[in-house]
C-alpha atoms as a PDB file:
ATOM      1  CA  MET A   1      51.517  54.183 170.974  1.00  0.00           C
ATOM      2  CA  PRO A   2      48.847  51.475 171.401  1.00  0.00           C
ATOM      3  CA  PRO A   3      49.958  48.140 172.868  1.00  0.00           C
ATOM      4  CA  GLY A   4      51.271  45.721 170.262  1.00  0.00           C
ATOM      5  CA  ILE A   5      52.423  48.460 167.870  1.00  0.00           C
ATOM      6  CA  GLY A   6      56.176  48.164 167.450  1.00  0.00           C
ATOM      7  CA  LYS A   7      58.863  49.935 165.444  1.00  0.00           C
ATOM      8  CA  LEU A   8      57.974  48.006 162.302  1.00  0.00           C
ATOM      9  CA  GLN A   9      54.398  49.372 162.357  1.00  0.00           C
ATOM     10  CA  THR A  10      55.138  53.013 163.215  1.00  0.00           C
ATOM     11  CA  LEU A  11      54.929  55.500 160.326  1.00  0.00           C
ATOM     12  CA  TYR A  12      58.203  57.399 159.693  1.00  0.00           C
ATOM     13  CA  ARG A  13      59.308  60.225 157.409  1.00  0.00           C
ATOM     14  CA  VAL A  14      62.176  59.041 155.205  1.00  0.00           C
ATOM     15  CA  SER A  15      65.249  60.726 153.772  1.00  0.00           C
ATOM     16  CA  PRO A  16      65.321  62.022 150.186  1.00  0.00           C
ATOM     17  CA  GLN A  17      67.781  59.213 149.302  1.00  0.00           C
ATOM     18  CA  LEU A  18      65.349  56.533 150.472  1.00  0.00           C
ATOM     19  CA  GLN A  19      62.424  58.361 148.857  1.00  0.00           C
ATOM     20  CA  ARG A  20      64.166  57.968 145.464  1.00  0.00           C
ATOM     21  CA  ILE A  21      64.240  54.191 145.949  1.00  0.00           C
ATOM     22  CA  ILE A  22      60.771  53.560 147.398  1.00  0.00           C
ATOM     23  CA  GLY A  23      58.843  56.496 145.928  1.00  0.00           C
ATOM     24  CA  LYS A  24      57.178  57.420 149.240  1.00  0.00           C
ATOM     25  CA  THR A  25      57.765  60.182 151.783  1.00  0.00           C
ATOM     26  CA  ALA A  26      56.440  58.314 154.833  1.00  0.00           C
ATOM     27  CA  VAL A  27      56.234  54.565 155.471  1.00  0.00           C
ATOM     28  CA  THR A  28      56.551  51.941 158.180  1.00  0.00           C
ATOM     29  CA  ARG A  29      59.938  50.248 158.486  1.00  0.00           C
ATOM     30  CA  GLN A  30      58.295  47.048 157.291  1.00  0.00           C
ATOM     31  CA  GLU A  31      56.931  48.729 154.125  1.00  0.00           C
ATOM     32  CA  ALA A  32      60.290  50.390 153.440  1.00  0.00           C
ATOM     33  CA  LEU A  33      62.127  47.083 153.776  1.00  0.00           C
ATOM     34  CA  LYS A  34      59.661  45.383 151.443  1.00  0.00           C
ATOM     35  CA  ASP A  35      59.958  48.208 148.891  1.00  0.00           C
ATOM     36  CA  VAL A  36      63.770  48.152 149.019  1.00  0.00           C
ATOM     37  CA  TRP A  37      63.761  44.386 148.419  1.00  0.00           C
ATOM     38  CA  THR A  38      61.388  44.884 145.487  1.00  0.00           C
ATOM     39  CA  TYR A  39      63.856  47.428 144.077  1.00  0.00           C
ATOM     40  CA  ILE A  40      66.835  45.100 144.640  1.00  0.00           C
ATOM     41  CA  LYS A  41      65.112  42.249 142.809  1.00  0.00           C
ATOM     42  CA  ARG A  42      63.721  44.444 140.003  1.00  0.00           C
ATOM     43  CA  GLU A  43      67.161  45.954 139.341  1.00  0.00           C
ATOM     44  CA  ASN A  44      68.924  42.567 139.724  1.00  0.00           C
ATOM     45  CA  LEU A  45      71.298  43.832 142.430  1.00  0.00           C
ATOM     46  CA  GLN A  46      71.969  40.534 144.206  1.00  0.00           C
ATOM     47  CA  ASN A  47      75.403  39.024 143.636  1.00  0.00           C
ATOM     48  CA  PRO A  48      74.773  36.105 141.235  1.00  0.00           C
ATOM     49  CA  SER A  49      77.347  33.912 142.988  1.00  0.00           C
ATOM     50  CA  ASN A  50      76.160  34.790 146.519  1.00  0.00           C
ATOM     51  CA  LYS A  51      72.480  35.799 146.653  1.00  0.00           C
ATOM     52  CA  ARG A  52      72.863  36.946 150.281  1.00  0.00           C
ATOM     53  CA  GLU A  53      75.044  39.827 149.098  1.00  0.00           C
ATOM     54  CA  ILE A  54      73.626  43.004 147.530  1.00  0.00           C
ATOM     55  CA  LEU A  55      75.688  45.024 145.059  1.00  0.00           C
ATOM     56  CA  PRO A  56      73.977  48.434 145.180  1.00  0.00           C
ATOM     57  CA  ASP A  57      73.642  50.718 142.175  1.00  0.00           C
ATOM     58  CA  PRO A  58      74.505  54.425 142.739  1.00  0.00           C
ATOM     59  CA  ALA A  59      71.004  55.293 144.029  1.00  0.00           C
ATOM     60  CA  LEU A  60      70.929  52.427 146.523  1.00  0.00           C
ATOM     61  CA  LYS A  61      74.534  53.091 147.532  1.00  0.00           C
ATOM     62  CA  ASP A  62      73.359  56.557 148.667  1.00  0.00           C
ATOM     63  CA  VAL A  63      71.082  54.728 151.120  1.00  0.00           C
ATOM     64  CA  PHE A  64      73.421  51.897 152.120  1.00  0.00           C
ATOM     65  CA  GLY A  65      76.653  53.913 152.228  1.00  0.00           C
ATOM     66  CA  LYS A  66      78.697  50.830 151.265  1.00  0.00           C
ATOM     67  CA  ASP A  67      79.798  48.946 148.139  1.00  0.00           C
ATOM     68  CA  THR A  68      78.286  45.666 149.355  1.00  0.00           C
ATOM     69  CA  VAL A  69      75.694  44.802 151.981  1.00  0.00           C
ATOM     70  CA  THR A  70      74.486  41.406 153.137  1.00  0.00           C
ATOM     71  CA  MET A  71      70.773  40.686 153.298  1.00  0.00           C
ATOM     72  CA  PHE A  72      71.082  40.662 157.094  1.00  0.00           C
ATOM     73  CA  GLU A  73      72.415  44.261 157.178  1.00  0.00           C
ATOM     74  CA  VAL A  74      69.753  45.911 155.007  1.00  0.00           C
ATOM     75  CA  LEU A  75      67.446  47.218 157.750  1.00  0.00           C
ATOM     76  CA  ARG A  76      70.402  48.301 159.913  1.00  0.00           C
ATOM     77  CA  VAL A  77      71.947  50.415 157.140  1.00  0.00           C
ATOM     78  CA  MET A  78      68.507  51.871 156.349  1.00  0.00           C
ATOM     79  CA  ASN A  79      67.930  53.029 159.957  1.00  0.00           C
ATOM     80  CA  PRO A  80      69.581  56.473 159.544  1.00  0.00           C
ATOM     81  CA  HIS A  81      67.100  57.206 156.730  1.00  0.00           C
ATOM     82  CA  PHE A  82      64.073  57.075 159.060  1.00  0.00           C
ATOM     83  CA  GLU A  83      63.974  60.735 160.049  1.00  0.00           C
ATOM     84  CA  GLY A  84      61.169  60.815 162.567  1.00  0.00           C
ATOM     85  CA  LYS A  85      57.739  59.552 163.387  1.00  0.00           C
ATOM     86  CA  VAL A  86      54.767  60.916 161.512  1.00  0.00           C
ATOM     87  CA  ASP A  87      52.207  62.362 163.903  1.00  0.00           C
ATOM     88  CA  SER A  88      49.110  60.184 163.499  1.00  0.00           C
ATOM     89  CA  ARG A  89      46.678  62.567 165.219  1.00  0.00           C
END
Protein backbone atom coordinates (compact mmCIF):
# COMPACT_ATOMS: atom_id res chain seq x y z
CA MET A 1 0.00 0.00 0.00
CA PRO A 2 1.49 3.40 -0.94
CA PRO A 3 2.39 5.76 1.90
CA GLY A 4 -0.52 7.92 3.03
CA ILE A 5 -3.18 5.40 1.98
CA GLY A 6 -5.09 4.33 5.07
CA LYS A 7 -8.02 2.05 5.83
CA LEU A 8 -10.52 4.68 4.73
CA GLN A 9 -9.03 4.77 1.21
CA THR A 10 -8.56 1.03 0.64
CA LEU A 11 -11.12 -0.66 -1.63
CA TYR A 12 -13.04 -3.51 0.08
CA ARG A 13 -15.58 -6.11 -1.02
CA VAL A 14 -18.76 -5.74 1.05
CA SER A 15 -21.32 -8.18 2.38
CA PRO A 16 -24.63 -8.77 0.58
CA GLN A 17 -26.43 -6.99 3.47
CA LEU A 18 -24.36 -3.84 2.98
CA GLN A 19 -24.66 -4.12 -0.80
CA ARG A 20 -28.46 -3.84 -0.44
CA ILE A 21 -28.04 -0.51 1.36
CA ILE A 22 -25.30 1.12 -0.73
CA GLY A 23 -25.87 -0.57 -4.09
CA LYS A 24 -22.17 -1.35 -4.64
CA THR A 25 -20.10 -4.53 -4.36
CA ALA A 26 -16.76 -2.85 -3.56
CA VAL A 27 -16.08 0.53 -1.95
CA THR A 28 -13.73 2.34 0.40
CA ARG A 29 -14.82 2.55 4.03
CA GLN A 30 -15.23 6.29 3.55
CA GLU A 31 -17.57 5.81 0.55
CA ALA A 32 -19.57 3.15 2.41
CA LEU A 33 -20.00 5.41 5.43
CA LYS A 34 -21.12 8.29 3.22
CA ASP A 35 -23.58 6.04 1.36
CA VAL A 36 -25.02 4.64 4.60
CA TRP A 37 -25.55 8.17 5.93
CA THR A 38 -27.26 9.11 2.67
CA TYR A 39 -29.57 6.11 3.15
CA ILE A 40 -30.25 7.01 6.80
CA LYS A 41 -31.21 10.57 5.87
CA ARG A 42 -33.22 9.58 2.77
CA GLU A 43 -35.23 7.02 4.77
CA ASN A 44 -35.58 9.37 7.78
CA LEU A 45 -34.08 6.86 10.23
CA GLN A 46 -32.72 9.31 12.80
CA ASN A 47 -34.63 9.49 16.08
CA PRO A 48 -36.56 12.79 15.88
CA SER A 49 -35.99 13.52 19.57
CA ASN A 50 -32.29 12.56 19.52
CA LYS A 51 -30.67 13.00 16.09
CA ARG A 52 -27.52 11.20 17.27
CA GLU A 53 -29.50 7.95 17.46
CA ILE A 54 -30.36 5.86 14.39
CA LEU A 55 -33.47 3.67 14.36
CA PRO A 56 -32.67 1.19 11.56
CA ASP A 57 -35.29 -0.25 9.23
CA PRO A 58 -35.14 -4.04 8.62
CA ALA A 59 -32.54 -3.73 5.83
CA LEU A 60 -30.22 -1.53 7.87
CA LYS A 61 -30.77 -3.66 10.97
CA ASP A 62 -29.27 -6.57 8.97
CA VAL A 63 -26.10 -4.47 8.74
CA PHE A 64 -26.12 -2.94 12.23
CA GLY A 65 -27.34 -6.01 14.12
CA LYS A 66 -29.04 -3.81 16.74
CA ASP A 67 -32.34 -1.98 17.29
CA THR A 68 -30.60 1.37 17.84
CA VAL A 69 -27.15 2.69 17.00
CA THR A 70 -25.59 6.03 17.83
CA MET A 71 -23.93 8.06 15.10
CA PHE A 72 -20.58 7.32 16.76
CA GLU A 73 -21.06 3.52 16.42
CA VAL A 74 -21.97 3.40 12.72
CA LEU A 75 -18.53 2.60 11.27
CA ARG A 76 -17.76 0.13 14.08
CA VAL A 77 -20.93 -1.90 13.46
CA MET A 78 -20.26 -1.79 9.71
CA ASN A 79 -16.73 -3.25 10.08
CA PRO A 80 -17.79 -6.93 9.87
CA HIS A 81 -19.36 -6.18 6.47
CA PHE A 82 -16.00 -5.32 4.86
CA GLU A 83 -15.07 -8.79 3.63
CA GLY A 84 -11.63 -8.23 2.19
CA LYS A 85 -9.48 -5.93 0.16
CA VAL A 86 -9.99 -5.73 -3.57
CA ASP A 87 -6.77 -6.49 -5.42
CA SER A 88 -5.87 -3.28 -7.24
CA ARG A 89 -3.32 -4.82 -9.62
